Amino acid sequence: KDEGAGDQGIMFGYACKETDELMPAPIYFSHKILRLMAEDRK
């Protein structure tokens, strides 16, 4: 018997050409604002 999944469930993956990182633009830019703020704060 091969190793089984740790639980049942459904998982999704997504990519699109809205950004160079192949991510949806609104979430990508939302992250970037806060990440750059945190880097400079720290």
PDB file of all heavy atoms in Angstrom:
ATOM      1  N   LYS A   1       0.844  -1.205   0.000  1.00  0.00           N
ATOM      2  CA  LYS A   1       0.000   0.000   0.000  1.00  0.00           C
ATOM      3  C   LYS A   1       0.874   1.248   0.000  1.00  0.00           C
ATOM      4  O   LYS A   1       1.739   1.411   0.848  1.00  0.00           O
ATOM      5  CB  LYS A   1      -0.885  -0.004   1.251  1.00  0.00           C
ATOM      6  CG  LYS A   1      -1.716   1.262   1.442  1.00  0.00           C
ATOM      7  CD  LYS A   1      -2.477   1.195   2.754  1.00  0.00           C
ATOM      8  CE  LYS A   1      -3.146   2.516   3.094  1.00  0.00           C
ATOM      9  NZ  LYS A   1      -2.205   3.591   3.363  1.00  0.00           N
ATOM     10  N   ASP A   2       0.666   2.126  -1.002  1.00  0.00           N
ATOM     11  CA  ASP A   2       1.402   3.387  -1.040  1.00  0.00           C
ATOM     12  C   ASP A   2       0.828   4.327   0.011  1.00  0.00           C
ATOM     13  O   ASP A   2      -0.294   4.152   0.493  1.00  0.00           O
ATOM     14  CB  ASP A   2       1.304   4.015  -2.437  1.00  0.00           C
ATOM     15  CG  ASP A   2       2.331   5.123  -2.637  1.00  0.00           C
ATOM     16  OD1 ASP A   2       3.212   5.274  -1.787  1.00  0.00           O
ATOM     17  OD2 ASP A   2       2.241   5.823  -3.668  1.00  0.00           O
ATOM     18  N   GLU A   3       1.618   5.303   0.354  1.00  0.00           N
ATOM     19  CA  GLU A   3       1.222   6.292   1.338  1.00  0.00           C
ATOM     20  C   GLU A   3      -0.027   7.038   0.868  1.00  0.00           C
ATOM     21  O   GLU A   3      -0.098   7.513  -0.259  1.00  0.00           O
ATOM     22  CB  GLU A   3       2.397   7.264   1.454  1.00  0.00           C
ATOM     23  CG  GLU A   3       2.306   8.308   2.480  1.00  0.00           C
ATOM     24  CD  GLU A   3       3.589   9.127   2.438  1.00  0.00           C
ATOM     25  OE1 GLU A   3       4.658   8.587   2.742  1.00  0.00           O
ATOM     26  OE2 GLU A   3       3.497  10.294   2.052  1.00  0.00           O
ATOM     27  N   GLY A   4      -1.024   7.145   1.737  1.00  0.00           N
ATOM     28  CA  GLY A   4      -2.282   7.774   1.357  1.00  0.00           C
ATOM     29  C   GLY A   4      -2.329   9.247   1.709  1.00  0.00           C
ATOM     30  O   GLY A   4      -1.481   9.765   2.436  1.00  0.00           O
ATOM     31  N   ALA A   5      -3.350   9.922   1.187  1.00  0.00           N
ATOM     32  CA  ALA A   5      -3.572  11.328   1.537  1.00  0.00           C
ATOM     33  C   ALA A   5      -3.935  11.436   3.009  1.00  0.00           C
ATOM     34  O   ALA A   5      -4.578  10.545   3.579  1.00  0.00           O
ATOM     35  CB  ALA A   5      -4.682  11.905   0.672  1.00  0.00           C
ATOM     36  N   GLY A   6      -3.540  12.548   3.628  1.00  0.00           N
ATOM     37  CA  GLY A   6      -3.804  12.750   5.052  1.00  0.00           C
ATOM     38  C   GLY A   6      -5.242  13.098   5.356  1.00  0.00           C
ATOM     39  O   GLY A   6      -5.663  13.058   6.503  1.00  0.00           O
ATOM     40  N   ASP A   7      -6.013  13.426   4.335  1.00  0.00           N
ATOM     41  CA  ASP A   7      -7.430  13.740   4.518  1.00  0.00           C
ATOM     42  C   ASP A   7      -8.092  13.779   3.141  1.00  0.00           C
ATOM     43  O   ASP A   7      -7.420  13.829   2.111  1.00  0.00           O
ATOM     44  CB  ASP A   7      -7.594  15.104   5.205  1.00  0.00           C
ATOM     45  CG  ASP A   7      -8.970  15.275   5.863  1.00  0.00           C
ATOM     46  OD1 ASP A   7      -9.832  14.377   5.697  1.00  0.00           O
ATOM     47  OD2 ASP A   7      -9.171  16.298   6.532  1.00  0.00           O
ATOM     48  N   GLN A   8      -9.412  13.723   3.139  1.00  0.00           N
ATOM     49  CA  GLN A   8     -10.124  13.947   1.884  1.00  0.00           C
ATOM     50  C   GLN A   8     -10.122  15.442   1.592  1.00  0.00           C
ATOM     51  O   GLN A   8      -9.802  16.259   2.454  1.00  0.00           O
ATOM     52  CB  GLN A   8     -11.559  13.467   1.986  1.00  0.00           C
ATOM     53  CG  GLN A   8     -12.435  14.314   2.907  1.00  0.00           C
ATOM     54  CD  GLN A   8     -13.868  13.826   2.935  1.00  0.00           C
ATOM     55  OE1 GLN A   8     -14.107  12.641   3.068  1.00  0.00           O
ATOM     56  NE2 GLN A   8     -14.811  14.737   2.814  1.00  0.00           N
ATOM     57  N   GLY A   9     -10.493  15.797   0.368  1.00  0.00           N
ATOM     58  CA  GLY A   9     -10.613  17.224   0.077  1.00  0.00           C
ATOM     59  C   GLY A   9     -10.396  17.546  -1.381  1.00  0.00           C
ATOM     60  O   GLY A   9     -10.017  16.701  -2.191  1.00  0.00           O
ATOM     61  N   ILE A  10     -10.672  18.814  -1.707  1.00  0.00           N
ATOM     62  CA  ILE A  10     -10.456  19.325  -3.053  1.00  0.00           C
ATOM     63  C   ILE A  10      -9.479  20.494  -2.978  1.00  0.00           C
ATOM     64  O   ILE A  10      -9.511  21.287  -2.031  1.00  0.00           O
ATOM     65  CB  ILE A  10     -11.779  19.761  -3.719  1.00  0.00           C
ATOM     66  CG1 ILE A  10     -12.520  20.791  -2.847  1.00  0.00           C
ATOM     67  CG2 ILE A  10     -12.672  18.556  -3.964  1.00  0.00           C
ATOM     68  CD1 ILE A  10     -13.758  21.384  -3.508  1.00  0.00           C
ATOM     69  N   MET A  11      -8.601  20.575  -3.954  1.00  0.00           N
ATOM     70  CA  MET A  11      -7.585  21.625  -3.994  1.00  0.00           C
ATOM     71  C   MET A  11      -7.551  22.241  -5.386  1.00  0.00           C
ATOM     72  O   MET A  11      -7.725  21.539  -6.384  1.00  0.00           O
ATOM     73  CB  MET A  11      -6.187  21.070  -3.670  1.00  0.00           C
ATOM     74  CG  MET A  11      -6.080  20.450  -2.296  1.00  0.00           C
ATOM     75  SD  MET A  11      -6.661  18.748  -2.316  1.00  0.00           S
ATOM     76  CE  MET A  11      -7.205  18.602  -0.616  1.00  0.00           C
ATOM     77  N   PHE A  12      -7.317  23.549  -5.436  1.00  0.00           N
ATOM     78  CA  PHE A  12      -7.291  24.269  -6.703  1.00  0.00           C
ATOM     79  C   PHE A  12      -5.943  24.941  -6.922  1.00  0.00           C
ATOM     80  O   PHE A  12      -5.300  25.411  -5.975  1.00  0.00           O
ATOM     81  CB  PHE A  12      -8.368  25.356  -6.715  1.00  0.00           C
ATOM     82  CG  PHE A  12      -9.773  24.829  -6.805  1.00  0.00           C
ATOM     83  CD1 PHE A  12     -10.516  24.601  -5.651  1.00  0.00           C
ATOM     84  CD2 PHE A  12     -10.356  24.554  -8.032  1.00  0.00           C
ATOM     85  CE1 PHE A  12     -11.817  24.125  -5.717  1.00  0.00           C
ATOM     86  CE2 PHE A  12     -11.661  24.076  -8.113  1.00  0.00           C
ATOM     87  CZ  PHE A  12     -12.393  23.855  -6.957  1.00  0.00           C
ATOM     88  N   GLY A  13      -5.548  25.004  -8.185  1.00  0.00           N
ATOM     89  CA  GLY A  13      -4.402  25.803  -8.593  1.00  0.00           C
ATOM     90  C   GLY A  13      -4.802  26.667  -9.769  1.00  0.00           C
ATOM     91  O   GLY A  13      -5.648  26.277 -10.587  1.00  0.00           O
ATOM     92  N   TYR A  14      -4.194  27.850  -9.864  1.00  0.00           N
ATOM     93  CA  TYR A  14      -4.602  28.802 -10.896  1.00  0.00           C
ATOM     94  C   TYR A  14      -3.391  29.588 -11.374  1.00  0.00           C
ATOM     95  O   TYR A  14      -2.438  29.830 -10.613  1.00  0.00           O
ATOM     96  CB  TYR A  14      -5.647  29.762 -10.312  1.00  0.00           C
ATOM     97  CG  TYR A  14      -6.190  30.783 -11.279  1.00  0.00           C
ATOM     98  CD1 TYR A  14      -7.002  30.406 -12.350  1.00  0.00           C
ATOM     99  CD2 TYR A  14      -5.895  32.137 -11.121  1.00  0.00           C
ATOM    100  CE1 TYR A  14      -7.521  31.343 -13.238  1.00  0.00           C
ATOM    101  CE2 TYR A  14      -6.408  33.087 -11.997  1.00  0.00           C
ATOM    102  CZ  TYR A  14      -7.219  32.680 -13.053  1.00  0.00           C
ATOM    103  OH  TYR A  14      -7.728  33.613 -13.929  1.00  0.00           O
ATOM    104  N   ALA A  15      -3.419  29.983 -12.633  1.00  0.00           N
ATOM    105  CA  ALA A  15      -2.422  30.895 -13.189  1.00  0.00           C
ATOM    106  C   ALA A  15      -3.067  31.677 -14.322  1.00  0.00           C
ATOM    107  O   ALA A  15      -3.993  31.188 -14.980  1.00  0.00           O
ATOM    108  CB  ALA A  15      -1.205  30.124 -13.695  1.00  0.00           C
ATOM    109  N   CYS A  16      -2.587  32.890 -14.530  1.00  0.00           N
ATOM    110  CA  CYS A  16      -3.102  33.728 -15.617  1.00  0.00           C
ATOM    111  C   CYS A  16      -2.015  34.714 -16.023  1.00  0.00           C
ATOM    112  O   CYS A  16      -1.039  34.916 -15.309  1.00  0.00           O
ATOM    113  CB  CYS A  16      -4.372  34.463 -15.187  1.00  0.00           C
ATOM    114  SG  CYS A  16      -4.113  35.626 -13.830  1.00  0.00           S
ATOM    115  N   LYS A  17      -2.196  35.349 -17.157  1.00  0.00           N
ATOM    116  CA  LYS A  17      -1.163  36.234 -17.711  1.00  0.00           C
ATOM    117  C   LYS A  17      -1.341  37.700 -17.330  1.00  0.00           C
ATOM    118  O   LYS A  17      -0.837  38.584 -18.013  1.00  0.00           O
ATOM    119  CB  LYS A  17      -1.117  36.079 -19.228  1.00  0.00           C
ATOM    120  CG  LYS A  17      -0.510  34.756 -19.678  1.00  0.00           C
ATOM    121  CD  LYS A  17      -0.238  34.738 -21.165  1.00  0.00           C
ATOM    122  CE  LYS A  17       0.514  33.467 -21.546  1.00  0.00           C
ATOM    123  NZ  LYS A  17       0.725  33.392 -23.010  1.00  0.00           N
ATOM    124  N   GLU A  18      -2.008  37.974 -16.217  1.00  0.00           N
ATOM    125  CA  GLU A  18      -2.225  39.361 -15.814  1.00  0.00           C
ATOM    126  C   GLU A  18      -0.951  40.035 -15.292  1.00  0.00           C
ATOM    127  O   GLU A  18      -0.829  41.257 -15.333  1.00  0.00           O
ATOM    128  CB  GLU A  18      -3.323  39.436 -14.745  1.00  0.00           C
ATOM    129  CG  GLU A  18      -4.695  39.060 -15.282  1.00  0.00           C
ATOM    130  CD  GLU A  18      -5.783  39.140 -14.227  1.00  0.00           C
ATOM    131  OE1 GLU A  18      -5.563  39.786 -13.168  1.00  0.00           O
ATOM    132  OE2 GLU A  18      -6.857  38.563 -14.438  1.00  0.00           O
ATOM    133  N   THR A  19      -0.013  39.246 -14.763  1.00  0.00           N
ATOM    134  CA  THR A  19       1.264  39.770 -14.271  1.00  0.00           C
ATOM    135  C   THR A  19       2.384  38.846 -14.738  1.00  0.00           C
ATOM    136  O   THR A  19       2.144  37.708 -15.142  1.00  0.00           O
ATOM    137  CB  THR A  19       1.292  39.829 -12.728  1.00  0.00           C
ATOM    138  OG1 THR A  19       1.109  38.492 -12.215  1.00  0.00           O
ATOM    139  CG2 THR A  19       0.201  40.732 -12.172  1.00  0.00           C
ATOM    140  N   ASP A  20       3.622  39.330 -14.653  1.00  0.00           N
ATOM    141  CA  ASP A  20       4.773  38.503 -15.044  1.00  0.00           C
ATOM    142  C   ASP A  20       4.862  37.236 -14.204  1.00  0.00           C
ATOM    143  O   ASP A  20       5.385  36.215 -14.663  1.00  0.00           O
ATOM    144  CB  ASP A  20       6.069  39.301 -14.894  1.00  0.00           C
ATOM    145  CG  ASP A  20       6.185  40.426 -15.909  1.00  0.00           C
ATOM    146  OD1 ASP A  20       5.436  40.392 -16.915  1.00  0.00           O
ATOM    147  OD2 ASP A  20       7.003  41.348 -15.690  1.00  0.00           O
ATOM    148  N   GLU A  21       4.369  37.302 -12.975  1.00  0.00           N
ATOM    149  CA  GLU A  21       4.414  36.152 -12.070  1.00  0.00           C
ATOM    150  C   GLU A  21       3.246  35.195 -12.320  1.00  0.00           C
ATOM    151  O   GLU A  21       3.075  34.216 -11.601  1.00  0.00           O
ATOM    152  CB  GLU A  21       4.394  36.629 -10.614  1.00  0.00           C
ATOM    153  CG  GLU A  21       5.671  37.341 -10.178  1.00  0.00           C
ATOM    154  CD  GLU A  21       5.815  38.751 -10.772  1.00  0.00           C
ATOM    155  OE1 GLU A  21       4.806  39.308 -11.282  1.00  0.00           O
ATOM    156  OE2 GLU A  21       6.929  39.293 -10.722  1.00  0.00           O
ATOM    157  N   LEU A  22       2.445  35.500 -13.336  1.00  0.00           N
ATOM    158  CA  LEU A  22       1.281  34.681 -13.722  1.00  0.00           C
ATOM    159  C   LEU A  22       0.273  34.568 -12.577  1.00  0.00           C
ATOM    160  O   LEU A  22      -0.292  33.514 -12.313  1.00  0.00           O
ATOM    161  CB  LEU A  22       1.726  33.303 -14.227  1.00  0.00           C
ATOM    162  CG  LEU A  22       2.730  33.330 -15.395  1.00  0.00           C
ATOM    163  CD1 LEU A  22       3.036  31.912 -15.876  1.00  0.00           C
ATOM    164  CD2 LEU A  22       2.245  34.192 -16.557  1.00  0.00           C
ATOM    165  N   MET A  23       0.072  35.708 -11.916  1.00  0.00           N
ATOM    166  CA  MET A  23      -0.907  35.838 -10.839  1.00  0.00           C
ATOM    167  C   MET A  23      -1.960  36.871 -11.212  1.00  0.00           C
ATOM    168  O   MET A  23      -1.696  37.794 -11.991  1.00  0.00           O
ATOM    169  CB  MET A  23      -0.211  36.303  -9.554  1.00  0.00           C
ATOM    170  CG  MET A  23       0.578  35.225  -8.842  1.00  0.00           C
ATOM    171  SD  MET A  23      -0.471  33.967  -8.086  1.00  0.00           S
ATOM    172  CE  MET A  23      -1.155  34.868  -6.678  1.00  0.00           C
ATOM    173  N   PRO A  24      -3.171  36.761 -10.627  1.00  0.00           N
ATOM    174  CA  PRO A  24      -4.166  37.828 -10.801  1.00  0.00           C
ATOM    175  C   PRO A  24      -3.599  39.152 -10.275  1.00  0.00           C
ATOM    176  O   PRO A  24      -2.964  39.193  -9.215  1.00  0.00           O
ATOM    177  CB  PRO A  24      -5.341  37.351  -9.955  1.00  0.00           C
ATOM    178  CG  PRO A  24      -5.151  35.869  -9.814  1.00  0.00           C
ATOM    179  CD  PRO A  24      -3.674  35.648  -9.811  1.00  0.00           C
ATOM    180  N   ALA A  25      -3.820  40.231 -11.017  1.00  0.00           N
ATOM    181  CA  ALA A  25      -3.206  41.518 -10.682  1.00  0.00           C
ATOM    182  C   ALA A  25      -3.646  42.092  -9.335  1.00  0.00           C
ATOM    183  O   ALA A  25      -2.797  42.561  -8.561  1.00  0.00           O
ATOM    184  CB  ALA A  25      -3.464  42.524 -11.802  1.00  0.00           C
ATOM    185  N   PRO A  26      -4.947  42.097  -8.968  1.00  0.00           N
ATOM    186  CA  PRO A  26      -5.335  42.752  -7.712  1.00  0.00           C
ATOM    187  C   PRO A  26      -4.661  42.157  -6.470  1.00  0.00           C
ATOM    188  O   PRO A  26      -4.194  42.902  -5.605  1.00  0.00           O
ATOM    189  CB  PRO A  26      -6.857  42.576  -7.668  1.00  0.00           C
ATOM    190  CG  PRO A  26      -7.255  42.465  -9.102  1.00  0.00           C
ATOM    191  CD  PRO A  26      -6.143  41.688  -9.745  1.00  0.00           C
ATOM    192  N   ILE A  27      -4.589  40.834  -6.373  1.00  0.00           N
ATOM    193  CA  ILE A  27      -3.959  40.223  -5.192  1.00  0.00           C
ATOM    194  C   ILE A  27      -2.449  40.432  -5.228  1.00  0.00           C
ATOM    195  O   ILE A  27      -1.816  40.690  -4.192  1.00  0.00           O
ATOM    196  CB  ILE A  27      -4.315  38.715  -5.061  1.00  0.00           C
ATOM    197  CG1 ILE A  27      -3.791  38.127  -3.740  1.00  0.00           C
ATOM    198  CG2 ILE A  27      -3.789  37.895  -6.230  1.00  0.00           C
ATOM    199  CD1 ILE A  27      -4.428  38.686  -2.508  1.00  0.00           C
ATOM    200  N   TYR A  28      -1.854  40.356  -6.415  1.00  0.00           N
ATOM    201  CA  TYR A  28      -0.405  40.526  -6.520  1.00  0.00           C
ATOM    202  C   TYR A  28       0.014  41.923  -6.038  1.00  0.00           C
ATOM    203  O   TYR A  28       0.954  42.065  -5.251  1.00  0.00           O
ATOM    204  CB  TYR A  28       0.063  40.295  -7.959  1.00  0.00           C
ATOM    205  CG  TYR A  28       1.549  40.465  -8.106  1.00  0.00           C
ATOM    206  CD1 TYR A  28       2.424  39.481  -7.649  1.00  0.00           C
ATOM    207  CD2 TYR A  28       2.079  41.621  -8.648  1.00  0.00           C
ATOM    208  CE1 TYR A  28       3.796  39.645  -7.746  1.00  0.00           C
ATOM    209  CE2 TYR A  28       3.449  41.798  -8.747  1.00  0.00           C
ATOM    210  CZ  TYR A  28       4.312  40.800  -8.299  1.00  0.00           C
ATOM    211  OH  TYR A  28       5.671  40.977  -8.386  1.00  0.00           O
ATOM    212  N   PHE A  29      -0.699  42.964  -6.477  1.00  0.00           N
ATOM    213  CA  PHE A  29      -0.334  44.322  -6.075  1.00  0.00           C
ATOM    214  C   PHE A  29      -0.698  44.592  -4.609  1.00  0.00           C
ATOM    215  O   PHE A  29       0.014  45.336  -3.920  1.00  0.00           O
ATOM    216  CB  PHE A  29      -0.993  45.346  -7.002  1.00  0.00           C
ATOM    217  CG  PHE A  29      -0.506  45.257  -8.432  1.00  0.00           C
ATOM    218  CD1 PHE A  29      -1.406  45.227  -9.487  1.00  0.00           C
ATOM    219  CD2 PHE A  29       0.846  45.171  -8.713  1.00  0.00           C
ATOM    220  CE1 PHE A  29      -0.958  45.133 -10.798  1.00  0.00           C
ATOM    221  CE2 PHE A  29       1.311  45.072 -10.018  1.00  0.00           C
ATOM    222  CZ  PHE A  29       0.408  45.049 -11.073  1.00  0.00           C
ATOM    223  N   SER A  30      -1.776  43.995  -4.131  1.00  0.00           N
ATOM    224  CA  SER A  30      -2.127  44.130  -2.706  1.00  0.00           C
ATOM    225  C   SER A  30      -1.006  43.593  -1.829  1.00  0.00           C
ATOM    226  O   SER A  30      -0.618  44.213  -0.830  1.00  0.00           O
ATOM    227  CB  SER A  30      -3.434  43.391  -2.409  1.00  0.00           C
ATOM    228  OG  SER A  30      -4.530  43.984  -3.063  1.00  0.00           O
ATOM    229  N   HIS A  31      -0.491  42.406  -2.189  1.00  0.00           N
ATOM    230  CA  HIS A  31       0.634  41.830  -1.444  1.00  0.00           C
ATOM    231  C   HIS A  31       1.871  42.726  -1.509  1.00  0.00           C
ATOM    232  O   HIS A  31       2.553  42.951  -0.506  1.00  0.00           O
ATOM    233  CB  HIS A  31       1.030  40.468  -2.040  1.00  0.00           C
ATOM    234  CG  HIS A  31       0.101  39.351  -1.725  1.00  0.00           C
ATOM    235  ND1 HIS A  31      -0.519  39.197  -0.505  1.00  0.00           N
ATOM    236  CD2 HIS A  31      -0.273  38.277  -2.479  1.00  0.00           C
ATOM    237  CE1 HIS A  31      -1.245  38.082  -0.528  1.00  0.00           C
ATOM    238  NE2 HIS A  31      -1.118  37.525  -1.703  1.00  0.00           N
ATOM    239  N   LYS A  32       2.166  43.203  -2.711  1.00  0.00           N
ATOM    240  CA  LYS A  32       3.423  43.930  -2.910  1.00  0.00           C
ATOM    241  C   LYS A  32       3.484  45.205  -2.079  1.00  0.00           C
ATOM    242  O   LYS A  32       4.525  45.532  -1.493  1.00  0.00           O
ATOM    243  CB  LYS A  32       3.618  44.247  -4.396  1.00  0.00           C
ATOM    244  CG  LYS A  32       5.021  44.752  -4.711  1.00  0.00           C
ATOM    245  CD  LYS A  32       5.258  44.856  -6.213  1.00  0.00           C
ATOM    246  CE  LYS A  32       6.681  45.301  -6.502  1.00  0.00           C
ATOM    247  NZ  LYS A  32       6.929  45.443  -7.965  1.00  0.00           N
ATOM    248  N   ILE A  33       2.373  45.928  -1.997  1.00  0.00           N
ATOM    249  CA  ILE A  33       2.334  47.153  -1.183  1.00  0.00           C
ATOM    250  C   ILE A  33       2.752  46.849   0.253  1.00  0.00           C
ATOM    251  O   ILE A  33       3.624  47.511   0.831  1.00  0.00           O
ATOM    252  CB  ILE A  33       0.919  47.779  -1.206  1.00  0.00           C
ATOM    253  CG1 ILE A  33       0.606  48.352  -2.588  1.00  0.00           C
ATOM    254  CG2 ILE A  33       0.786  48.867  -0.133  1.00  0.00           C
ATOM    255  CD1 ILE A  33      -0.867  48.700  -2.800  1.00  0.00           C
ATOM    256  N   LEU A  34       2.143  45.824   0.843  1.00  0.00           N
ATOM    257  CA  LEU A  34       2.405  45.508   2.256  1.00  0.00           C
ATOM    258  C   LEU A  34       3.793  44.910   2.459  1.00  0.00           C
ATOM    259  O   LEU A  34       4.453  45.166   3.471  1.00  0.00           O
ATOM    260  CB  LEU A  34       1.337  44.552   2.786  1.00  0.00           C
ATOM    261  CG  LEU A  34      -0.098  45.087   2.793  1.00  0.00           C
ATOM    262  CD1 LEU A  34      -1.028  44.067   3.435  1.00  0.00           C
ATOM    263  CD2 LEU A  34      -0.193  46.422   3.509  1.00  0.00           C
ATOM    264  N   ARG A  35       4.235  44.119   1.500  1.00  0.00           N
ATOM    265  CA  ARG A  35       5.567  43.509   1.623  1.00  0.00           C
ATOM    266  C   ARG A  35       6.662  44.579   1.598  1.00  0.00           C
ATOM    267  O   ARG A  35       7.593  44.543   2.409  1.00  0.00           O
ATOM    268  CB  ARG A  35       5.774  42.487   0.506  1.00  0.00           C
ATOM    269  CG  ARG A  35       7.115  41.784   0.561  1.00  0.00           C
ATOM    270  CD  ARG A  35       7.186  40.621  -0.414  1.00  0.00           C
ATOM    271  NE  ARG A  35       6.813  40.988  -1.770  1.00  0.00           N
ATOM    272  CZ  ARG A  35       7.610  41.619  -2.629  1.00  0.00           C
ATOM    273  NH1 ARG A  35       8.829  41.984  -2.267  1.00  0.00           N
ATOM    274  NH2 ARG A  35       7.186  41.906  -3.850  1.00  0.00           N
ATOM    275  N   LEU A  36       6.544  45.543   0.701  1.00  0.00           N
ATOM    276  CA  LEU A  36       7.545  46.613   0.634  1.00  0.00           C
ATOM    277  C   LEU A  36       7.489  47.492   1.887  1.00  0.00           C
ATOM    278  O   LEU A  36       8.531  47.911   2.405  1.00  0.00           O
ATOM    279  CB  LEU A  36       7.339  47.464  -0.617  1.00  0.00           C
ATOM    280  CG  LEU A  36       7.574  46.756  -1.962  1.00  0.00           C
ATOM    281  CD1 LEU A  36       7.372  47.736  -3.111  1.00  0.00           C
ATOM    282  CD2 LEU A  36       8.965  46.130  -2.039  1.00  0.00           C
ATOM    283  N   MET A  37       6.281  47.753   2.390  1.00  0.00           N
ATOM    284  CA  MET A  37       6.160  48.508   3.641  1.00  0.00           C
ATOM    285  C   MET A  37       6.850  47.778   4.781  1.00  0.00           C
ATOM    286  O   MET A  37       7.591  48.388   5.572  1.00  0.00           O
ATOM    287  CB  MET A  37       4.679  48.717   3.991  1.00  0.00           C
ATOM    288  CG  MET A  37       3.979  49.789   3.182  1.00  0.00           C
ATOM    289  SD  MET A  37       2.179  49.841   3.514  1.00  0.00           S
ATOM    290  CE  MET A  37       2.145  50.089   5.299  1.00  0.00           C
ATOM    291  N   ALA A  38       6.624  46.462   4.877  1.00  0.00           N
ATOM    292  CA  ALA A  38       7.216  45.677   5.974  1.00  0.00           C
ATOM    293  C   ALA A  38       8.737  45.658   5.874  1.00  0.00           C
ATOM    294  O   ALA A  38       9.436  45.764   6.894  1.00  0.00           O
ATOM    295  CB  ALA A  38       6.661  44.257   5.950  1.00  0.00           C
ATOM    296  N   GLU A  39       9.253  45.505   4.657  1.00  0.00           N
ATOM    297  CA  GLU A  39      10.716  45.486   4.492  1.00  0.00           C
ATOM    298  C   GLU A  39      11.337  46.789   4.983  1.00  0.00           C
ATOM    299  O   GLU A  39      12.341  46.777   5.695  1.00  0.00           O
ATOM    300  CB  GLU A  39      11.065  45.251   3.020  1.00  0.00           C
ATOM    301  CG  GLU A  39      10.805  43.820   2.557  1.00  0.00           C
ATOM    302  CD  GLU A  39      10.951  43.645   1.050  1.00  0.00           C
ATOM    303  OE1 GLU A  39      11.327  44.635   0.360  1.00  0.00           O
ATOM    304  OE2 GLU A  39      10.711  42.527   0.547  1.00  0.00           O
ATOM    305  N   ASP A  40      10.720  47.917   4.624  1.00  0.00           N
ATOM    306  CA  ASP A  40      11.265  49.203   5.046  1.00  0.00           C
ATOM    307  C   ASP A  40      11.028  49.463   6.526  1.00  0.00           C
ATOM    308  O   ASP A  40      11.867  50.080   7.202  1.00  0.00           O
ATOM    309  CB  ASP A  40      10.653  50.335   4.205  1.00  0.00           C
ATOM    310  CG  ASP A  40      11.292  50.434   2.828  1.00  0.00           C
ATOM    311  OD1 ASP A  40      12.241  49.667   2.549  1.00  0.00           O
ATOM    312  OD2 ASP A  40      10.841  51.271   2.020  1.00  0.00           O
ATOM    313  N   ARG A  41       9.900  49.007   7.047  1.00  0.00           N
ATOM    314  CA  ARG A  41       9.643  49.163   8.494  1.00  0.00           C
ATOM    315  C   ARG A  41      10.690  48.409   9.300  1.00  0.00           C
ATOM    316  O   ARG A  41      11.255  48.945  10.267  1.00  0.00           O
ATOM    317  CB  ARG A  41       8.233  48.649   8.830  1.00  0.00           C
ATOM    318  CG  ARG A  41       7.916  48.632  10.317  1.00  0.00           C
ATOM    319  CD  ARG A  41       6.524  48.103  10.593  1.00  0.00           C
ATOM    320  NE  ARG A  41       6.306  46.751  10.116  1.00  0.00           N
ATOM    321  CZ  ARG A  41       6.724  45.644  10.744  1.00  0.00           C
ATOM    322  NH1 ARG A  41       7.406  45.729  11.879  1.00  0.00           N
ATOM    323  NH2 ARG A  41       6.465  44.456  10.246  1.00  0.00           N
ATOM    324  N   LYS A  42      10.986  47.194   8.890  1.00  0.00           N
ATOM    325  CA  LYS A  42      11.911  46.356   9.656  1.00  0.00           C
ATOM    326  C   LYS A  42      13.367  46.801   9.500  1.00  0.00           C
ATOM    327  O   LYS A  42      14.191  46.574  10.381  1.00  0.00           O
ATOM    328  CB  LYS A  42      11.729  44.894   9.249  1.00  0.00           C
ATOM    329  CG  LYS A  42      10.377  44.343   9.708  1.00  0.00           C
ATOM    330  CD  LYS A  42       9.979  43.077   9.007  1.00  0.00           C
ATOM    331  CE  LYS A  42      10.518  41.853   9.650  1.00  0.00           C
ATOM    332  NZ  LYS A  42       9.920  40.624   9.092  1.00  0.00           N
TER     333      LYS A  42
END
